Amino acid sequence: MFVLFCTTTYVCVAVTKEYQDALSRITAVVEKHKKGLVPGVPQLNMCDMAVMNWAPPGCEKLGKCLKAPKSQPWKCDWPH
């Protein structure tokens, strides 16, 4: 028997009719959702090395801050 632990207090048994019925309904909704997805246009597609500088709070006291480069933002691609 294949047992899934759905939560810490409720055990789901994957071979039961109740589980299979629920799974078929959920799967249909997920597939419909996937078919309706439309690729989006990136909204945060700018990169800047000055923004990615390492300077955490307290680095001045330790003398460990890295000098940030000049800000030169450019359009970049973040493929997923």
PDB file of N, CA and C in Angstrom:
ATOM      1  N   MET A   1       0.851  -1.179   0.000  1.00  0.00           N
ATOM      2  CA  MET A   1       0.000   0.000   0.000  1.00  0.00           C
ATOM      3  C   MET A   1       0.896   1.242   0.000  1.00  0.00           C
ATOM      4  N   PHE A   2       0.577   2.212  -0.836  1.00  0.00           N
ATOM      5  CA  PHE A   2       1.336   3.459  -0.927  1.00  0.00           C
ATOM      6  C   PHE A   2       0.653   4.494  -0.044  1.00  0.00           C
ATOM      7  N   VAL A   3       1.376   5.030   0.920  1.00  0.00           N
ATOM      8  CA  VAL A   3       0.808   5.988   1.872  1.00  0.00           C
ATOM      9  C   VAL A   3       1.499   7.331   1.715  1.00  0.00           C
ATOM     10  N   LEU A   4       0.719   8.390   1.627  1.00  0.00           N
ATOM     11  CA  LEU A   4       1.234   9.755   1.579  1.00  0.00           C
ATOM     12  C   LEU A   4       0.890  10.436   2.896  1.00  0.00           C
ATOM     13  N   PHE A   5       1.834  11.167   3.433  1.00  0.00           N
ATOM     14  CA  PHE A   5       1.551  11.932   4.644  1.00  0.00           C
ATOM     15  C   PHE A   5       1.200  13.351   4.218  1.00  0.00           C
ATOM     16  N   CYS A   6      -0.093  13.618   4.091  1.00  0.00           N
ATOM     17  CA  CYS A   6      -0.566  14.920   3.621  1.00  0.00           C
ATOM     18  C   CYS A   6      -0.306  16.014   4.646  1.00  0.00           C
ATOM     19  N   THR A   7      -0.515  15.727   5.881  1.00  0.00           N
ATOM     20  CA  THR A   7      -0.230  16.673   6.964  1.00  0.00           C
ATOM     21  C   THR A   7       0.303  15.857   8.134  1.00  0.00           C
ATOM     22  N   THR A   8       0.645  16.525   9.180  1.00  0.00           N
ATOM     23  CA  THR A   8       1.143  15.808  10.356  1.00  0.00           C
ATOM     24  C   THR A   8       0.029  15.066  11.083  1.00  0.00           C
ATOM     25  N   THR A   9      -1.231  15.405  10.799  1.00  0.00           N
ATOM     26  CA  THR A   9      -2.333  14.763  11.522  1.00  0.00           C
ATOM     27  C   THR A   9      -3.230  13.917  10.634  1.00  0.00           C
ATOM     28  N   TYR A  10      -3.036  13.944   9.313  1.00  0.00           N
ATOM     29  CA  TYR A  10      -3.923  13.213   8.420  1.00  0.00           C
ATOM     30  C   TYR A  10      -3.093  12.441   7.403  1.00  0.00           C
ATOM     31  N   VAL A  11      -3.340  11.156   7.286  1.00  0.00           N
ATOM     32  CA  VAL A  11      -2.613  10.302   6.348  1.00  0.00           C
ATOM     33  C   VAL A  11      -3.480  10.080   5.117  1.00  0.00           C
ATOM     34  N   CYS A  12      -2.915  10.275   3.928  1.00  0.00           N
ATOM     35  CA  CYS A  12      -3.625  10.023   2.680  1.00  0.00           C
ATOM     36  C   CYS A  12      -3.152   8.689   2.114  1.00  0.00           C
ATOM     37  N   VAL A  13      -4.067   7.815   1.788  1.00  0.00           N
ATOM     38  CA  VAL A  13      -3.724   6.541   1.165  1.00  0.00           C
ATOM     39  C   VAL A  13      -4.023   6.680  -0.321  1.00  0.00           C
ATOM     40  N   ALA A  14      -2.976   6.584  -1.146  1.00  0.00           N
ATOM     41  CA  ALA A  14      -3.091   6.900  -2.567  1.00  0.00           C
ATOM     42  C   ALA A  14      -3.926   5.900  -3.355  1.00  0.00           C
ATOM     43  N   VAL A  15      -4.177   4.726  -2.830  1.00  0.00           N
ATOM     44  CA  VAL A  15      -4.934   3.726  -3.587  1.00  0.00           C
ATOM     45  C   VAL A  15      -6.432   3.770  -3.306  1.00  0.00           C
ATOM     46  N   THR A  16      -6.874   4.644  -2.415  1.00  0.00           N
ATOM     47  CA  THR A  16      -8.301   4.694  -2.103  1.00  0.00           C
ATOM     48  C   THR A  16      -9.071   5.405  -3.204  1.00  0.00           C
ATOM     49  N   LYS A  17     -10.335   5.062  -3.332  1.00  0.00           N
ATOM     50  CA  LYS A  17     -11.197   5.693  -4.334  1.00  0.00           C
ATOM     51  C   LYS A  17     -11.326   7.188  -4.050  1.00  0.00           C
ATOM     52  N   GLU A  18     -11.447   7.557  -2.782  1.00  0.00           N
ATOM     53  CA  GLU A  18     -11.570   8.967  -2.406  1.00  0.00           C
ATOM     54  C   GLU A  18     -10.367   9.768  -2.910  1.00  0.00           C
ATOM     55  N   TYR A  19      -9.177   9.229  -2.710  1.00  0.00           N
ATOM     56  CA  TYR A  19      -7.956   9.916  -3.147  1.00  0.00           C
ATOM     57  C   TYR A  19      -7.913  10.012  -4.671  1.00  0.00           C
ATOM     58  N   GLN A  20      -8.190   8.918  -5.353  1.00  0.00           N
ATOM     59  CA  GLN A  20      -8.141   8.908  -6.816  1.00  0.00           C
ATOM     60  C   GLN A  20      -9.166   9.874  -7.418  1.00  0.00           C
ATOM     61  N   ASP A  21     -10.367   9.946  -6.838  1.00  0.00           N
ATOM     62  CA  ASP A  21     -11.393  10.888  -7.309  1.00  0.00           C
ATOM     63  C   ASP A  21     -10.924  12.330  -7.143  1.00  0.00           C
ATOM     64  N   ALA A  22     -10.383  12.637  -5.970  1.00  0.00           N
ATOM     65  CA  ALA A  22      -9.896  14.002  -5.717  1.00  0.00           C
ATOM     66  C   ALA A  22      -8.736  14.339  -6.648  1.00  0.00           C
ATOM     67  N   LEU A  23      -7.830  13.387  -6.842  1.00  0.00           N
ATOM     68  CA  LEU A  23      -6.675  13.620  -7.706  1.00  0.00           C
ATOM     69  C   LEU A  23      -7.103  13.888  -9.143  1.00  0.00           C
ATOM     70  N   SER A  24      -8.089  13.163  -9.645  1.00  0.00           N
ATOM     71  CA  SER A  24      -8.536  13.385 -11.026  1.00  0.00           C
ATOM     72  C   SER A  24      -9.170  14.766 -11.184  1.00  0.00           C
ATOM     73  N   ARG A  25      -9.922  15.217 -10.173  1.00  0.00           N
ATOM     74  CA  ARG A  25     -10.518  16.559 -10.248  1.00  0.00           C
ATOM     75  C   ARG A  25      -9.438  17.638 -10.193  1.00  0.00           C
ATOM     76  N   ILE A  26      -8.475  17.468  -9.303  1.00  0.00           N
ATOM     77  CA  ILE A  26      -7.397  18.451  -9.167  1.00  0.00           C
ATOM     78  C   ILE A  26      -6.543  18.485 -10.423  1.00  0.00           C
ATOM     79  N   THR A  27      -6.219  17.315 -10.970  1.00  0.00           N
ATOM     80  CA  THR A  27      -5.388  17.237 -12.175  1.00  0.00           C
ATOM     81  C   THR A  27      -6.056  17.957 -13.342  1.00  0.00           C
ATOM     82  N   ALA A  28      -7.361  17.808 -13.482  1.00  0.00           N
ATOM     83  CA  ALA A  28      -8.082  18.485 -14.567  1.00  0.00           C
ATOM     84  C   ALA A  28      -7.980  20.005 -14.424  1.00  0.00           C
ATOM     85  N   VAL A  29      -8.115  20.507 -13.218  1.00  0.00           N
ATOM     86  CA  VAL A  29      -8.015  21.953 -12.978  1.00  0.00           C
ATOM     87  C   VAL A  29      -6.603  22.447 -13.264  1.00  0.00           C
ATOM     88  N   VAL A  30      -5.594  21.696 -12.850  1.00  0.00           N
ATOM     89  CA  VAL A  30      -4.199  22.081 -13.089  1.00  0.00           C
ATOM     90  C   VAL A  30      -3.907  22.118 -14.586  1.00  0.00           C
ATOM     91  N   GLU A  31      -4.357  21.116 -15.327  1.00  0.00           N
ATOM     92  CA  GLU A  31      -4.122  21.082 -16.777  1.00  0.00           C
ATOM     93  C   GLU A  31      -4.813  22.252 -17.475  1.00  0.00           C
ATOM     94  N   LYS A  32      -6.041  22.573 -17.071  1.00  0.00           N
ATOM     95  CA  LYS A  32      -6.752  23.715 -17.653  1.00  0.00           C
ATOM     96  C   LYS A  32      -5.981  25.002 -17.371  1.00  0.00           C
ATOM     97  N   HIS A  33      -5.473  25.138 -16.160  1.00  0.00           N
ATOM     98  CA  HIS A  33      -4.692  26.318 -15.780  1.00  0.00           C
ATOM     99  C   HIS A  33      -3.429  26.423 -16.635  1.00  0.00           C
ATOM    100  N   LYS A  34      -2.719  25.327 -16.813  1.00  0.00           N
ATOM    101  CA  LYS A  34      -1.481  25.330 -17.603  1.00  0.00           C
ATOM    102  C   LYS A  34      -1.735  25.734 -19.050  1.00  0.00           C
ATOM    103  N   LYS A  35      -2.851  25.256 -19.619  1.00  0.00           N
ATOM    104  CA  LYS A  35      -3.174  25.585 -21.015  1.00  0.00           C
ATOM    105  C   LYS A  35      -3.482  27.064 -21.188  1.00  0.00           C
ATOM    106  N   GLY A  36      -3.968  27.719 -20.147  1.00  0.00           N
ATOM    107  CA  GLY A  36      -4.332  29.130 -20.227  1.00  0.00           C
ATOM    108  C   GLY A  36      -3.205  30.096 -19.900  1.00  0.00           C
ATOM    109  N   LEU A  37      -2.039  29.578 -19.529  1.00  0.00           N
ATOM    110  CA  LEU A  37      -0.924  30.461 -19.172  1.00  0.00           C
ATOM    111  C   LEU A  37      -0.386  31.190 -20.398  1.00  0.00           C
ATOM    112  N   VAL A  38      -0.076  32.445 -20.220  1.00  0.00           N
ATOM    113  CA  VAL A  38       0.493  33.271 -21.283  1.00  0.00           C
ATOM    114  C   VAL A  38       1.839  33.792 -20.789  1.00  0.00           C
ATOM    115  N   PRO A  39       2.901  33.647 -21.599  1.00  0.00           N
ATOM    116  CA  PRO A  39       4.207  34.156 -21.152  1.00  0.00           C
ATOM    117  C   PRO A  39       4.135  35.648 -20.850  1.00  0.00           C
ATOM    118  N   GLY A  40       4.734  36.042 -19.763  1.00  0.00           N
ATOM    119  CA  GLY A  40       4.734  37.442 -19.361  1.00  0.00           C
ATOM    120  C   GLY A  40       5.950  38.190 -19.874  1.00  0.00           C
ATOM    121  N   VAL A  41       5.915  39.487 -19.745  1.00  0.00           N
ATOM    122  CA  VAL A  41       7.036  40.350 -20.110  1.00  0.00           C
ATOM    123  C   VAL A  41       7.741  40.750 -18.815  1.00  0.00           C
ATOM    124  N   PRO A  42       9.066  40.577 -18.730  1.00  0.00           N
ATOM    125  CA  PRO A  42       9.771  40.931 -17.497  1.00  0.00           C
ATOM    126  C   PRO A  42       9.558  42.395 -17.118  1.00  0.00           C
ATOM    127  N   GLN A  43       9.320  42.636 -15.845  1.00  0.00           N
ATOM    128  CA  GLN A  43       9.139  43.994 -15.355  1.00  0.00           C
ATOM    129  C   GLN A  43      10.407  44.529 -14.698  1.00  0.00           C
ATOM    130  N   LEU A  44      11.243  43.636 -14.203  1.00  0.00           N
ATOM    131  CA  LEU A  44      12.484  44.032 -13.533  1.00  0.00           C
ATOM    132  C   LEU A  44      13.660  43.481 -14.331  1.00  0.00           C
ATOM    133  N   ASN A  45      13.835  43.997 -15.542  1.00  0.00           N
ATOM    134  CA  ASN A  45      14.872  43.470 -16.423  1.00  0.00           C
ATOM    135  C   ASN A  45      16.068  44.419 -16.541  1.00  0.00           C
ATOM    136  N   MET A  46      16.410  45.074 -15.444  1.00  0.00           N
ATOM    137  CA  MET A  46      17.576  45.955 -15.420  1.00  0.00           C
ATOM    138  C   MET A  46      18.608  45.383 -14.457  1.00  0.00           C
ATOM    139  N   CYS A  47      19.870  45.490 -14.845  1.00  0.00           N
ATOM    140  CA  CYS A  47      20.974  45.043 -13.993  1.00  0.00           C
ATOM    141  C   CYS A  47      21.902  46.227 -13.749  1.00  0.00           C
ATOM    142  N   ASP A  48      22.563  46.219 -12.599  1.00  0.00           N
ATOM    143  CA  ASP A  48      23.514  47.277 -12.261  1.00  0.00           C
ATOM    144  C   ASP A  48      24.482  46.724 -11.223  1.00  0.00           C
ATOM    145  N   MET A  49      25.753  46.664 -11.563  1.00  0.00           N
ATOM    146  CA  MET A  49      26.758  46.119 -10.656  1.00  0.00           C
ATOM    147  C   MET A  49      26.862  46.935  -9.363  1.00  0.00           C
ATOM    148  N   ALA A  50      26.547  48.240  -9.422  1.00  0.00           N
ATOM    149  CA  ALA A  50      26.618  49.077  -8.222  1.00  0.00           C
ATOM    150  C   ALA A  50      25.574  48.638  -7.193  1.00  0.00           C
ATOM    151  N   VAL A  51      24.446  48.170  -7.654  1.00  0.00           N
ATOM    152  CA  VAL A  51      23.384  47.727  -6.756  1.00  0.00           C
ATOM    153  C   VAL A  51      23.759  46.398  -6.103  1.00  0.00           C
ATOM    154  N   MET A  52      24.525  45.594  -6.821  1.00  0.00           N
ATOM    155  CA  MET A  52      24.903  44.274  -6.316  1.00  0.00           C
ATOM    156  C   MET A  52      26.173  44.322  -5.464  1.00  0.00           C
ATOM    157  N   ASN A  53      26.470  45.458  -4.891  1.00  0.00           N
ATOM    158  CA  ASN A  53      27.676  45.637  -4.085  1.00  0.00           C
ATOM    159  C   ASN A  53      27.481  45.071  -2.682  1.00  0.00           C
ATOM    160  N   TRP A  54      28.534  44.476  -2.129  1.00  0.00           N
ATOM    161  CA  TRP A  54      28.479  43.892  -0.794  1.00  0.00           C
ATOM    162  C   TRP A  54      28.907  44.932   0.227  1.00  0.00           C
ATOM    163  N   ALA A  55      27.963  45.457   0.995  1.00  0.00           N
ATOM    164  CA  ALA A  55      28.264  46.439   2.037  1.00  0.00           C
ATOM    165  C   ALA A  55      27.236  46.290   3.157  1.00  0.00           C
ATOM    166  N   PRO A  56      27.344  45.222   3.958  1.00  0.00           N
ATOM    167  CA  PRO A  56      26.363  45.003   5.017  1.00  0.00           C
ATOM    168  C   PRO A  56      26.526  46.001   6.158  1.00  0.00           C
ATOM    169  N   PRO A  57      25.484  46.175   6.959  1.00  0.00           N
ATOM    170  CA  PRO A  57      25.578  47.072   8.102  1.00  0.00           C
ATOM    171  C   PRO A  57      26.752  46.676   9.000  1.00  0.00           C
ATOM    172  N   GLY A  58      27.519  47.671   9.423  1.00  0.00           N
ATOM    173  CA  GLY A  58      28.650  47.421  10.308  1.00  0.00           C
ATOM    174  C   GLY A  58      29.968  47.223   9.594  1.00  0.00           C
ATOM    175  N   CYS A  59      29.956  47.178   8.257  1.00  0.00           N
ATOM    176  CA  CYS A  59      31.215  46.948   7.538  1.00  0.00           C
ATOM    177  C   CYS A  59      32.162  48.139   7.685  1.00  0.00           C
ATOM    178  N   GLU A  60      31.605  49.347   7.875  1.00  0.00           N
ATOM    179  CA  GLU A  60      32.465  50.527   8.058  1.00  0.00           C
ATOM    180  C   GLU A  60      33.312  50.376   9.318  1.00  0.00           C
ATOM    181  N   LYS A  61      32.684  49.926  10.391  1.00  0.00           N
ATOM    182  CA  LYS A  61      33.380  49.764  11.668  1.00  0.00           C
ATOM    183  C   LYS A  61      34.526  48.748  11.548  1.00  0.00           C
ATOM    184  N   LEU A  62      34.309  47.723  10.730  1.00  0.00           N
ATOM    185  CA  LEU A  62      35.326  46.688  10.545  1.00  0.00           C
ATOM    186  C   LEU A  62      36.330  47.031   9.451  1.00  0.00           C
ATOM    187  N   GLY A  63      36.008  48.073   8.668  1.00  0.00           N
ATOM    188  CA  GLY A  63      36.868  48.428   7.545  1.00  0.00           C
ATOM    189  C   GLY A  63      36.838  47.391   6.438  1.00  0.00           C
ATOM    190  N   LYS A  64      35.699  46.729   6.272  1.00  0.00           N
ATOM    191  CA  LYS A  64      35.589  45.645   5.297  1.00  0.00           C
ATOM    192  C   LYS A  64      34.599  45.942   4.168  1.00  0.00           C
ATOM    193  N   CYS A  65      34.134  47.181   4.049  1.00  0.00           N
ATOM    194  CA  CYS A  65      33.191  47.518   2.985  1.00  0.00           C
ATOM    195  C   CYS A  65      33.909  47.495   1.639  1.00  0.00           C
ATOM    196  N   LEU A  66      33.225  46.984   0.644  1.00  0.00           N
ATOM    197  CA  LEU A  66      33.769  47.019  -0.707  1.00  0.00           C
ATOM    198  C   LEU A  66      33.254  48.275  -1.394  1.00  0.00           C
ATOM    199  N   LYS A  67      34.116  48.974  -2.095  1.00  0.00           N
ATOM    200  CA  LYS A  67      33.717  50.193  -2.795  1.00  0.00           C
ATOM    201  C   LYS A  67      32.824  49.813  -3.968  1.00  0.00           C
ATOM    202  N   ALA A  68      31.689  50.474  -4.032  1.00  0.00           N
ATOM    203  CA  ALA A  68      30.748  50.181  -5.113  1.00  0.00           C
ATOM    204  C   ALA A  68      31.247  50.770  -6.422  1.00  0.00           C
ATOM    205  N   PRO A  69      31.094  50.034  -7.515  1.00  0.00           N
ATOM    206  CA  PRO A  69      31.459  50.600  -8.806  1.00  0.00           C
ATOM    207  C   PRO A  69      30.458  51.681  -9.210  1.00  0.00           C
ATOM    208  N   LYS A  70      30.814  52.466 -10.209  1.00  0.00           N
ATOM    209  CA  LYS A  70      29.925  53.504 -10.726  1.00  0.00           C
ATOM    210  C   LYS A  70      28.649  52.842 -11.253  1.00  0.00           C
ATOM    211  N   SER A  71      27.526  53.475 -11.000  1.00  0.00           N
ATOM    212  CA  SER A  71      26.254  52.941 -11.470  1.00  0.00           C
ATOM    213  C   SER A  71      26.163  53.060 -12.986  1.00  0.00           C
ATOM    214  N   GLN A  72      26.007  51.919 -13.641  1.00  0.00           N
ATOM    215  CA  GLN A  72      25.832  51.871 -15.095  1.00  0.00           C
ATOM    216  C   GLN A  72      24.771  50.814 -15.413  1.00  0.00           C
ATOM    217  N   PRO A  73      23.509  51.149 -15.209  1.00  0.00           N
ATOM    218  CA  PRO A  73      22.458  50.156 -15.449  1.00  0.00           C
ATOM    219  C   PRO A  73      22.347  49.784 -16.927  1.00  0.00           C
ATOM    220  N   TRP A  74      21.992  48.517 -17.170  1.00  0.00           N
ATOM    221  CA  TRP A  74      21.775  48.040 -18.531  1.00  0.00           C
ATOM    222  C   TRP A  74      20.617  47.050 -18.520  1.00  0.00           C
ATOM    223  N   LYS A  75      19.992  46.901 -19.685  1.00  0.00           N
ATOM    224  CA  LYS A  75      18.915  45.920 -19.817  1.00  0.00           C
ATOM    225  C   LYS A  75      19.541  44.538 -19.826  1.00  0.00           C
ATOM    226  N   CYS A  76      18.995  43.645 -19.037  1.00  0.00           N
ATOM    227  CA  CYS A  76      19.531  42.291 -18.985  1.00  0.00           C
ATOM    228  C   CYS A  76      18.396  41.278 -19.072  1.00  0.00           C
ATOM    229  N   ASP A  77      18.763  40.056 -19.351  1.00  0.00           N
ATOM    230  CA  ASP A  77      17.800  38.981 -19.517  1.00  0.00           C
ATOM    231  C   ASP A  77      17.962  37.988 -18.379  1.00  0.00           C
ATOM    232  N   TRP A  78      16.858  37.593 -17.782  1.00  0.00           N
ATOM    233  CA  TRP A  78      16.873  36.605 -16.716  1.00  0.00           C
ATOM    234  C   TRP A  78      16.034  35.412 -17.165  1.00  0.00           C
ATOM    235  N   PRO A  79      16.590  34.560 -18.021  1.00  0.00           N
ATOM    236  CA  PRO A  79      15.790  33.423 -18.510  1.00  0.00           C
ATOM    237  C   PRO A  79      15.475  32.433 -17.389  1.00  0.00           C
ATOM    238  N   HIS A  80      14.269  31.916 -17.420  1.00  0.00           N
ATOM    239  CA  HIS A  80      13.868  30.924 -16.405  1.00  0.00           C
ATOM    240  C   HIS A  80      13.396  29.676 -17.091  1.00  0.00           C
TER     241      HIS A  80
END
